[in-house]
Amino acid sequence: MTTNLKAYFPMIKSRMEVLKEINQNAALQAVFSSWEKEKQKEFLDFCTGVRGVKILYDSFFKEIANPETNPQRLEDLLSVFLGRKVKILQILPNDSVRIADESTLLITEKSCSIQA
């Protein structure tokens, strides 16, 4: 049995609606046209609910778990993974020579010091 996501998520647009919106904006149209056909199809599939975004892919995950934009989101995620409350104390720059001073440390491309 096939389900129509639009029945549950009415904000999902049809392929034609998405393309119309893109074509009404010169800047969007230029960006969309610069992509390879396969990337255009992939984007339209995301926008129309045909496919889901691969949230654990690096590019998406970096935005979602970025402690600079929403530290609470990363704290909550790490707290669930570790099974105890995590609080981000400081976000370390990527080019830092000094890594830690007696703290527990999580190192990612956007490094953070955390207290677990």
Protein backbone atom coordinates (compact mmCIF):
# COMPACT_ATOMS: atom_id res chain seq x y z
CA MET A 1 0.00 0.00 0.00
CA THR A 2 1.44 3.34 -1.07
CA THR A 3 0.93 6.31 1.22
CA ASN A 4 0.79 9.90 0.07
CA LEU A 5 2.98 11.97 2.41
CA LYS A 6 1.07 15.12 1.45
CA ALA A 7 -1.94 13.69 3.32
CA TYR A 8 0.12 13.81 6.53
CA PHE A 9 2.34 16.78 5.69
CA PRO A 10 0.26 19.26 3.66
CA MET A 11 3.22 21.65 3.37
CA ILE A 12 4.95 19.25 0.95
CA LYS A 13 4.81 20.72 -2.54
CA SER A 14 4.40 18.92 -5.83
CA ARG A 15 7.26 18.76 -8.31
CA MET A 16 5.49 21.34 -10.49
CA GLU A 17 5.02 23.71 -7.52
CA VAL A 18 8.71 23.48 -6.59
CA LEU A 19 9.82 24.05 -10.19
CA LYS A 20 7.42 27.01 -10.50
CA GLU A 21 8.89 28.58 -7.37
CA ILE A 22 12.45 28.05 -8.66
CA ASN A 23 11.62 29.49 -12.09
CA GLN A 24 10.01 32.61 -10.59
CA ASN A 25 13.29 33.62 -8.95
CA ALA A 26 16.27 34.32 -11.23
CA ALA A 27 18.83 33.60 -8.50
CA LEU A 28 17.23 30.24 -7.61
CA GLN A 29 16.90 29.38 -11.28
CA ALA A 30 20.59 30.11 -11.90
CA VAL A 31 21.70 27.92 -8.99
CA PHE A 32 19.32 25.09 -9.89
CA SER A 33 20.36 25.19 -13.56
CA SER A 34 24.04 25.01 -12.62
CA TRP A 35 23.51 21.58 -11.01
CA GLU A 36 23.88 18.31 -12.89
CA LYS A 37 20.55 16.69 -13.88
CA GLU A 38 20.98 13.97 -11.24
CA LYS A 39 21.44 16.58 -8.47
CA GLN A 40 18.37 18.49 -9.71
CA LYS A 41 16.32 15.28 -9.53
CA GLU A 42 17.69 14.49 -6.06
CA PHE A 43 16.78 17.99 -4.83
CA LEU A 44 13.27 17.76 -6.25
CA ASP A 45 12.87 14.34 -4.65
CA PHE A 46 13.82 15.84 -1.25
CA CYS A 47 11.45 18.78 -1.65
CA THR A 48 8.50 16.63 -2.72
CA GLY A 49 8.92 13.89 -0.13
CA VAL A 50 9.85 11.21 -2.66
CA ARG A 51 13.13 10.66 -0.80
CA GLY A 52 14.32 11.62 2.63
CA VAL A 53 17.44 13.61 3.33
CA LYS A 54 20.30 11.37 4.47
CA ILE A 55 20.57 13.16 7.77
CA LEU A 56 23.70 11.36 8.94
CA TYR A 57 25.65 12.45 5.86
CA ASP A 58 28.40 14.83 6.90
CA SER A 59 27.04 17.98 5.24
CA PHE A 60 23.61 17.72 6.88
CA PHE A 61 24.82 16.51 10.25
CA LYS A 62 27.37 19.34 10.53
CA GLU A 63 24.57 21.89 10.17
CA ILE A 64 22.14 20.14 12.51
CA ALA A 65 24.69 19.39 15.25
CA ASN A 66 26.62 22.66 14.98
CA PRO A 67 27.19 23.82 18.58
CA GLU A 68 27.66 27.41 17.45
CA THR A 69 24.13 27.72 16.07
CA ASN A 70 22.23 25.57 18.57
CA PRO A 71 24.28 24.17 21.47
CA GLN A 72 21.17 22.81 23.22
CA ARG A 73 20.45 20.49 20.28
CA LEU A 74 23.93 18.93 20.45
CA GLU A 75 23.80 18.71 24.25
CA ASP A 76 20.49 16.86 24.05
CA LEU A 77 21.75 14.48 21.36
CA LEU A 78 24.95 13.66 23.26
CA SER A 79 23.00 13.27 26.50
CA VAL A 80 20.80 10.64 24.84
CA PHE A 81 23.81 8.81 23.37
CA LEU A 82 25.79 8.84 26.62
CA GLY A 83 22.85 8.23 28.93
CA ARG A 84 23.63 11.19 31.16
CA LYS A 85 23.34 14.98 31.05
CA VAL A 86 25.90 16.74 28.85
CA LYS A 87 26.59 20.48 28.94
CA ILE A 88 28.76 22.24 26.33
CA LEU A 89 31.18 24.46 28.22
CA GLN A 90 33.19 25.94 25.39
CA ILE A 91 33.50 25.69 21.63
CA LEU A 92 37.13 25.39 20.65
CA PRO A 93 38.49 26.83 17.39
CA ASN A 94 39.67 24.29 14.82
CA ASP A 95 43.17 25.74 14.75
CA SER A 96 43.74 25.57 18.52
CA VAL A 97 47.15 24.23 19.59
CA ARG A 98 46.02 23.65 23.15
CA ILE A 99 43.40 20.93 23.24
CA ALA A 100 42.18 20.63 26.82
CA ASP A 101 42.84 21.48 30.44
CA GLU A 102 41.59 18.61 32.61
CA SER A 103 38.21 18.57 30.83
CA THR A 104 36.43 15.82 28.98
CA LEU A 105 36.64 16.70 25.34
CA LEU A 106 34.68 15.98 22.18
CA ILE A 107 36.64 16.67 19.03
CA THR A 108 34.83 17.16 15.73
CA GLU A 109 35.47 19.58 12.92
CA LYS A 110 33.73 22.12 15.12
CA SER A 111 35.40 21.11 18.37
CA CYS A 112 33.64 21.57 21.70
CA SER A 113 34.60 20.92 25.23
CA ILE A 114 31.89 19.17 27.18
CA GLN A 115 31.35 18.17 30.75
CA ALA A 116 29.75 14.77 31.12
